[in-house]
Amino acid sequence: MTEPVAKRGVAHLVLSAARQRRNATVLLAVLLSATAQAQPRLDGDWRLTLEDQGRIHTGILSFETNGNHLAAFVDGGPVPIAIEEDRIEIELDYRDGGGRLLSYALTGDIGPDRLEGVLTPSLDGPPGAWYATRVMSKATAPAAPVDLSGIWSRTSSGTAKVHLDYTPAAQAIVDTYSYLDDPALRCISPGLVRVSGWPYPLEIVQTEDQVTILYESFHEVRRIFLDGRGYPRDLPHRAMGYSLGHWDGSTLVVETEMLTAGYVDLHGQPLSENARVIERMSLGDDGQTLLSELTLFDPEYYGRPITRHRRWQKTPATVILEYDCDPYPFFRGLELEGKLDEYWQRMRQRR
């Protein structure tokens, strides 16, 4: 008589377990459905603004949904995120002026068209704030040139996102990079992407058919031609490339090709000779702020375009000084460290 009771108990347990599995499956399906329904609220590009101790840095925060997975990127580089209902957490890596790898913790609320919250630096500085608003696509506008001429001093180089969406070829270069490879240490121009973000001032001279940018950094000169010409493919590539521009409303759109292969930062992020840069330069509402959004397209090394955001303030009293750079200390230092032979070997391998 006890056996049937035992069988009923086992059957009850089996049925209960089956119900639990079914309920768990239903619950999981509901959660996944809810996640899939919630994530499209974020899909797309958002204009990201960081406020840290009086400094303002901007970037592009992008969300993409693949199935039930939501991925996030800042300026072309992946960032870890966590979302719980209407709360979001983002970890953003960057380098400070001394080259240290640091990070911001961004925590905040998700609204229909605005994300905002508290920015916590990785060091012991005071907390700041951050927010992001949706980037709305704009139709091309008739040319309405504005005067960009003057002397400008940099106030922000953007989010300075470090880890990017590397291809295997790029990852191999980053992994084997040495400071010996940095051309700037030898007083050689490191190229458009890096020079445009350096802390030295620049001067813009503007005419109807050309915008000329005179950089204090490395005495670089950049000519942006507005006369409708094409690229002179018979000329050699240059560190600053060859730039063609046109006006989209009051925004100067500059497309640069024919860049010398090099690096986009001082830690080995590579740039190929087939890279292309599109830069959008505009004036802020006060007319005294120059804004630049630079996008690097280089599929040989990056799975996604890289963006860099620069900000300058007009400073008429600033004087463009001589860029005093002597490569002797670099080579003398290598000699004293016993690394001169290693340097020459790396240079031969790069050719």
Protein backbone atom coordinates (compact mmCIF):
# COMPACT_ATOMS: atom_id res chain seq x y z
CA MET A 1 0.00 0.00 0.00
CA THR A 2 2.91 2.26 0.57
CA GLU A 3 4.32 1.78 -2.93
CA PRO A 4 1.47 3.55 -4.77
CA VAL A 5 1.73 6.42 -2.28
CA ALA A 6 5.46 6.65 -2.95
CA LYS A 7 4.80 6.61 -6.69
CA ARG A 8 2.22 9.38 -6.31
CA GLY A 9 4.79 11.38 -4.31
CA VAL A 10 7.42 10.90 -7.03
CA ALA A 11 4.88 11.77 -9.71
CA HIS A 12 3.95 14.87 -7.76
CA LEU A 13 7.60 15.89 -7.51
CA VAL A 14 8.20 15.26 -11.19
CA LEU A 15 5.06 17.24 -12.10
CA SER A 16 6.11 20.04 -9.74
CA ALA A 17 9.58 20.15 -11.27
CA ALA A 18 8.09 20.20 -14.76
CA ARG A 19 5.81 23.08 -13.76
CA GLN A 20 8.78 24.93 -12.28
CA ARG A 21 10.76 24.43 -15.47
CA ARG A 22 7.79 25.56 -17.54
CA ASN A 23 7.24 28.58 -15.32
CA ALA A 24 10.94 29.42 -15.45
CA THR A 25 10.87 29.11 -19.23
CA VAL A 26 7.84 31.39 -19.42
CA LEU A 27 9.49 33.85 -17.03
CA LEU A 28 12.71 33.80 -19.07
CA ALA A 29 10.74 34.38 -22.26
CA VAL A 30 8.94 37.31 -20.63
CA LEU A 31 12.24 38.79 -19.45
CA LEU A 32 13.85 38.38 -22.85
CA SER A 33 10.80 39.85 -24.52
CA ALA A 34 10.83 42.76 -22.11
CA THR A 35 14.54 43.27 -22.70
CA ALA A 36 14.09 43.15 -26.46
CA GLN A 37 11.25 45.65 -26.18
CA ALA A 38 13.21 47.94 -23.84
CA GLN A 39 16.47 47.98 -25.74
CA PRO A 40 15.21 49.64 -28.96
CA ARG A 41 14.54 52.72 -26.84
CA LEU A 42 18.29 53.17 -26.75
CA ASP A 43 19.31 52.00 -30.24
CA GLY A 44 21.10 54.66 -32.24
CA ASP A 45 23.51 57.49 -31.53
CA TRP A 46 23.45 59.84 -28.55
CA ARG A 47 25.47 63.01 -28.03
CA LEU A 48 27.43 62.36 -24.83
CA THR A 49 28.59 65.22 -22.58
CA LEU A 50 30.87 64.76 -19.57
CA GLU A 51 31.29 67.50 -16.95
CA ASP A 52 34.36 66.91 -14.79
CA GLN A 53 35.69 69.67 -12.49
CA GLY A 54 34.63 72.45 -14.81
CA ARG A 55 35.87 70.72 -17.95
CA ILE A 56 33.43 69.64 -20.64
CA HIS A 57 34.17 66.69 -22.92
CA THR A 58 31.88 65.44 -25.67
CA GLY A 59 31.57 62.20 -27.59
CA ILE A 60 29.14 59.89 -29.35
CA LEU A 61 27.45 57.11 -27.34
CA SER A 62 26.00 54.39 -29.59
CA PHE A 63 23.71 51.47 -28.79
CA GLU A 64 23.10 48.45 -31.01
CA THR A 65 20.78 45.51 -30.41
CA ASN A 66 21.76 42.08 -31.75
CA GLY A 67 19.04 39.62 -30.85
CA ASN A 68 18.64 40.00 -27.10
CA HIS A 69 22.08 41.53 -26.57
CA LEU A 70 22.55 45.28 -26.26
CA ALA A 71 26.05 46.56 -27.06
CA ALA A 72 27.34 50.06 -26.35
CA PHE A 73 30.19 52.05 -27.88
CA VAL A 74 31.73 55.46 -27.19
CA ASP A 75 33.49 57.14 -30.08
CA GLY A 76 33.90 53.80 -31.84
CA GLY A 77 35.18 51.79 -28.87
CA PRO A 78 33.17 49.21 -26.88
CA VAL A 79 32.18 50.03 -23.30
CA PRO A 80 30.72 47.75 -20.59
CA ILE A 81 27.13 48.58 -19.64
CA ALA A 82 24.56 47.34 -17.14
CA ILE A 83 20.84 48.15 -17.35
CA GLU A 84 18.19 47.49 -14.74
CA GLU A 85 14.76 48.88 -15.57
CA ASP A 86 15.35 52.62 -16.07
CA ARG A 87 18.84 52.72 -14.57
CA ILE A 88 22.06 52.48 -16.58
CA GLU A 89 25.73 52.06 -15.69
CA ILE A 90 28.59 52.65 -18.14
CA GLU A 91 32.34 52.32 -17.65
CA LEU A 92 34.36 54.61 -19.93
CA ASP A 93 38.14 54.24 -20.22
CA TYR A 94 40.36 57.20 -21.09
CA ARG A 95 43.88 58.55 -20.67
CA ASP A 96 44.77 61.71 -18.81
CA GLY A 97 47.35 64.24 -19.98
CA GLY A 98 50.14 62.13 -18.54
CA GLY A 99 49.10 59.03 -20.46
CA ARG A 100 47.70 57.14 -17.45
CA LEU A 101 44.88 54.70 -18.23
CA LEU A 102 41.87 55.73 -16.12
CA SER A 103 38.11 55.32 -16.26
CA TYR A 104 34.87 57.10 -15.50
CA ALA A 105 31.88 55.35 -13.93
CA LEU A 106 28.68 56.79 -15.40
CA THR A 107 25.49 55.95 -13.51
CA GLY A 108 22.11 57.46 -14.18
CA ASP A 109 18.54 57.33 -15.41
CA ILE A 110 17.11 56.39 -18.79
CA GLY A 111 14.55 58.82 -20.19
CA PRO A 112 12.79 58.78 -23.56
CA ASP A 113 15.25 61.18 -25.19
CA ARG A 114 17.78 61.88 -22.47
CA LEU A 115 20.16 59.88 -20.30
CA GLU A 116 21.71 61.62 -17.30
CA GLY A 117 23.40 60.97 -14.00
CA VAL A 118 26.56 61.12 -11.91
CA LEU A 119 30.10 60.83 -13.23
CA THR A 120 32.57 59.24 -10.81
CA PRO A 121 36.30 59.48 -11.69
CA SER A 122 38.63 56.61 -10.90
CA LEU A 123 40.87 58.89 -8.82
CA ASP A 124 39.85 60.78 -5.69
CA GLY A 125 38.42 63.78 -7.49
CA PRO A 126 34.93 65.11 -6.82
CA PRO A 127 32.01 63.57 -8.73
CA GLY A 128 30.80 65.26 -11.87
CA ALA A 129 27.79 64.93 -14.13
CA TRP A 130 27.00 63.45 -17.51
CA TYR A 131 24.11 63.41 -19.93
CA ALA A 132 23.33 62.18 -23.42
CA THR A 133 20.72 63.32 -25.93
CA ARG A 134 19.64 61.64 -29.12
CA VAL A 135 21.47 62.61 -32.30
CA MET A 136 18.88 63.66 -34.84
CA SER A 137 19.80 63.34 -38.50
CA LYS A 138 19.79 66.61 -40.40
CA ALA A 139 19.23 67.23 -44.07
CA THR A 140 22.04 68.79 -46.07
CA ALA A 141 21.73 72.59 -46.05
CA PRO A 142 22.72 75.15 -48.70
CA ALA A 143 26.20 76.58 -48.21
CA ALA A 144 26.25 79.42 -45.69
CA PRO A 145 29.96 80.02 -44.89
CA VAL A 146 30.96 81.55 -41.56
CA ASP A 147 34.26 83.12 -40.58
CA LEU A 148 36.47 80.63 -38.73
CA SER A 149 39.58 82.80 -38.88
CA GLY A 150 41.51 83.68 -35.75
CA ILE A 151 43.76 82.11 -33.13
CA TRP A 152 42.22 79.26 -31.17
CA SER A 153 43.36 77.52 -27.96
CA ARG A 154 42.24 73.98 -27.19
CA THR A 155 39.93 73.49 -24.23
CA SER A 156 38.95 69.83 -24.74
CA SER A 157 40.12 66.80 -26.72
CA GLY A 158 36.92 64.83 -26.21
CA THR A 159 36.43 61.63 -24.24
CA ALA A 160 39.91 60.30 -25.15
CA LYS A 161 38.45 56.76 -25.48
CA VAL A 162 41.32 54.26 -25.46
CA HIS A 163 40.19 50.72 -26.28
CA LEU A 164 38.68 50.57 -29.75
CA ASP A 165 37.15 47.95 -32.05
CA TYR A 166 40.43 46.51 -33.34
CA THR A 167 40.79 44.07 -36.20
CA PRO A 168 43.30 41.23 -35.61
CA ALA A 169 45.88 43.18 -37.64
CA ALA A 170 45.45 46.25 -35.43
CA GLN A 171 45.52 44.22 -32.23
CA ALA A 172 48.85 42.70 -33.25
CA ILE A 173 50.32 46.18 -33.77
CA VAL A 174 48.98 47.46 -30.46
CA ASP A 175 50.34 44.41 -28.62
CA THR A 176 53.87 44.87 -29.98
CA TYR A 177 53.99 48.69 -29.91
CA SER A 178 56.89 50.40 -28.13
CA TYR A 179 57.53 54.05 -27.37
CA LEU A 180 60.47 53.63 -29.75
CA ASP A 181 57.92 53.67 -32.59
CA ASP A 182 56.51 57.11 -31.71
CA PRO A 183 57.59 59.62 -34.40
CA ALA A 184 56.75 62.58 -32.17
CA LEU A 185 59.66 61.70 -29.87
CA ARG A 186 61.95 62.21 -32.89
CA CYS A 187 60.31 65.58 -33.67
CA ILE A 188 58.48 64.09 -36.66
CA SER A 189 54.83 65.00 -37.11
CA PRO A 190 52.55 62.23 -35.76
CA GLY A 191 49.83 63.12 -38.26
CA LEU A 192 46.43 64.75 -38.55
CA VAL A 193 44.46 62.84 -35.90
CA ARG A 194 47.01 63.37 -33.13
CA VAL A 195 48.09 66.90 -34.04
CA SER A 196 44.48 68.09 -34.12
CA GLY A 197 44.11 67.10 -30.48
CA TRP A 198 47.38 68.46 -29.10
CA PRO A 199 47.17 71.23 -26.47
CA TYR A 200 48.99 73.87 -28.52
CA PRO A 201 47.11 76.70 -30.26
CA LEU A 202 46.35 76.97 -33.94
CA GLU A 203 45.56 79.82 -36.32
CA ILE A 204 42.98 79.72 -39.12
CA VAL A 205 43.33 81.92 -42.19
CA GLN A 206 40.26 81.84 -44.42
CA THR A 207 39.54 82.90 -47.99
CA GLU A 208 36.70 82.04 -50.36
CA ASP A 209 38.53 79.09 -51.94
CA GLN A 210 40.76 77.90 -49.11
CA VAL A 211 40.94 77.48 -45.34
CA THR A 212 44.48 77.27 -44.03
CA ILE A 213 45.22 75.96 -40.54
CA LEU A 214 48.59 76.85 -39.02
CA TYR A 215 49.42 74.58 -36.08
CA GLU A 216 52.00 75.47 -33.47
CA SER A 217 52.54 71.71 -33.13
CA PHE A 218 55.41 70.61 -35.39
CA HIS A 219 54.92 73.79 -37.50
CA GLU A 220 52.28 71.85 -39.44
CA VAL A 221 50.31 73.60 -42.16
CA ARG A 222 47.02 72.21 -43.41
CA ARG A 223 45.40 73.56 -46.56
CA ILE A 224 41.72 72.79 -47.07
CA PHE A 225 40.74 73.42 -50.67
CA LEU A 226 37.18 74.62 -51.34
CA ASP A 227 37.44 75.08 -55.12
CA GLY A 228 36.00 71.70 -56.14
CA ARG A 229 39.26 70.02 -57.12
CA GLY A 230 39.92 66.29 -56.70
CA TYR A 231 42.73 64.38 -55.01
CA PRO A 232 46.12 64.50 -56.79
CA ARG A 233 46.80 60.78 -56.65
CA ASP A 234 50.25 61.20 -58.20
CA LEU A 235 51.54 63.04 -55.12
CA PRO A 236 53.05 61.20 -52.14
CA HIS A 237 51.09 60.69 -48.93
CA ARG A 238 51.71 63.16 -46.11
CA ALA A 239 51.29 63.12 -42.34
CA MET A 240 48.44 65.65 -42.64
CA GLY A 241 47.06 64.14 -45.85
CA TYR A 242 45.31 66.11 -48.57
CA SER A 243 42.12 67.91 -47.55
CA LEU A 244 39.09 68.94 -49.62
CA GLY A 245 36.24 70.90 -48.09
CA HIS A 246 32.74 72.19 -48.67
CA TRP A 247 30.09 73.98 -46.64
CA ASP A 248 27.03 72.17 -45.29
CA GLY A 249 25.08 75.18 -44.07
CA SER A 250 27.44 76.91 -41.65
CA THR A 251 29.46 73.74 -41.00
CA LEU A 252 32.74 73.21 -42.81
CA VAL A 253 32.96 69.56 -43.92
CA VAL A 254 36.52 68.44 -44.63
CA GLU A 255 37.43 65.12 -46.24
CA THR A 256 41.08 64.05 -45.97
CA GLU A 257 42.82 61.19 -47.74
CA MET A 258 46.39 60.36 -48.77
CA LEU A 259 47.54 60.08 -45.16
CA THR A 260 50.88 58.56 -44.20
CA ALA A 261 50.58 55.31 -42.27
CA GLY A 262 51.22 55.90 -38.58
CA TYR A 263 49.41 56.02 -35.24
CA VAL A 264 46.37 57.84 -33.91
CA ASP A 265 47.62 58.00 -30.31
CA LEU A 266 50.84 57.65 -28.33
CA HIS A 267 50.10 54.04 -27.38
CA GLY A 268 50.15 52.40 -30.78
CA GLN A 269 46.64 52.57 -32.24
CA PRO A 270 47.56 52.20 -35.93
CA LEU A 271 46.49 54.16 -38.99
CA SER A 272 46.83 52.75 -42.51
CA GLU A 273 47.70 54.65 -45.68
CA ASN A 274 44.18 53.91 -46.96
CA ALA A 275 42.51 55.68 -44.05
CA ARG A 276 40.00 58.46 -44.66
CA VAL A 277 39.02 61.25 -42.28
CA ILE A 278 35.83 63.32 -42.36
CA GLU A 279 35.80 66.34 -40.09
CA ARG A 280 32.91 68.70 -39.35
CA MET A 281 33.97 72.09 -38.00
CA SER A 282 31.52 74.68 -36.73
CA LEU A 283 31.18 77.66 -34.42
CA GLY A 284 29.40 77.45 -31.08
CA ASP A 285 26.43 79.69 -30.36
CA ASP A 286 28.70 82.30 -28.78
CA GLY A 287 30.81 82.61 -31.93
CA GLN A 288 33.93 82.25 -29.77
CA THR A 289 34.01 78.46 -29.60
CA LEU A 290 35.28 76.24 -32.40
CA LEU A 291 33.91 72.68 -32.45
CA SER A 292 35.24 69.74 -34.41
CA GLU A 293 33.94 66.20 -34.87
CA LEU A 294 36.58 64.09 -36.58
CA THR A 295 35.67 60.62 -37.84
CA LEU A 296 38.32 58.15 -38.94
CA PHE A 297 37.37 55.41 -41.40
CA ASP A 298 40.05 52.71 -41.52
CA PRO A 299 38.49 49.23 -41.99
CA GLU A 300 41.94 47.63 -42.25
CA TYR A 301 42.41 48.27 -38.53
CA TYR A 302 39.00 49.08 -37.01
CA GLY A 303 35.63 47.36 -37.19
CA ARG A 304 33.87 50.67 -36.56
CA PRO A 305 34.70 54.29 -37.42
CA ILE A 306 36.52 56.21 -34.68
CA THR A 307 35.36 59.68 -33.67
CA ARG A 308 37.30 62.38 -31.90
CA HIS A 309 35.79 65.61 -30.59
CA ARG A 310 37.82 68.78 -30.17
CA ARG A 311 36.90 72.14 -28.71
CA TRP A 312 38.81 75.43 -28.94
CA GLN A 313 38.23 78.92 -27.58
CA LYS A 314 39.09 82.04 -29.58
CA THR A 315 42.08 83.72 -27.93
CA PRO A 316 43.15 86.76 -30.02
CA ALA A 317 45.92 87.70 -27.58
CA THR A 318 47.61 84.31 -27.91
CA VAL A 319 50.86 84.22 -29.89
CA ILE A 320 51.79 81.21 -32.00
CA LEU A 321 55.27 80.36 -30.71
CA GLU A 322 58.19 78.47 -32.20
CA TYR A 323 57.73 74.73 -31.73
CA ASP A 324 61.07 73.96 -30.11
CA CYS A 325 61.81 70.27 -30.61
CA ASP A 326 65.25 68.65 -30.65
CA PRO A 327 65.52 64.88 -31.34
CA TYR A 328 68.97 64.68 -29.71
CA PRO A 329 67.69 63.89 -26.17
CA PHE A 330 65.66 60.99 -27.57
CA PHE A 331 68.59 59.35 -29.36
CA ARG A 332 71.03 60.17 -26.56
CA GLY A 333 68.64 58.57 -24.08
CA LEU A 334 68.45 55.41 -26.22
CA GLU A 335 72.23 55.26 -26.31
CA LEU A 336 72.50 55.57 -22.53
CA GLU A 337 69.79 52.91 -22.06
CA GLY A 338 71.45 50.56 -24.52
CA LYS A 339 68.37 50.58 -26.78
CA LEU A 340 69.78 52.25 -29.87
CA ASP A 341 70.30 48.96 -31.73
CA GLU A 342 66.75 47.88 -30.84
CA TYR A 343 65.44 51.16 -32.23
CA TRP A 344 67.22 50.75 -35.58
CA GLN A 345 66.03 47.14 -35.81
CA ARG A 346 62.39 48.21 -35.27
CA MET A 347 62.74 50.93 -37.91
CA ARG A 348 64.08 48.40 -40.44
CA GLN A 349 61.18 46.04 -39.72
CA ARG A 350 58.64 48.78 -40.38
CA ARG A 351 59.96 49.44 -43.89
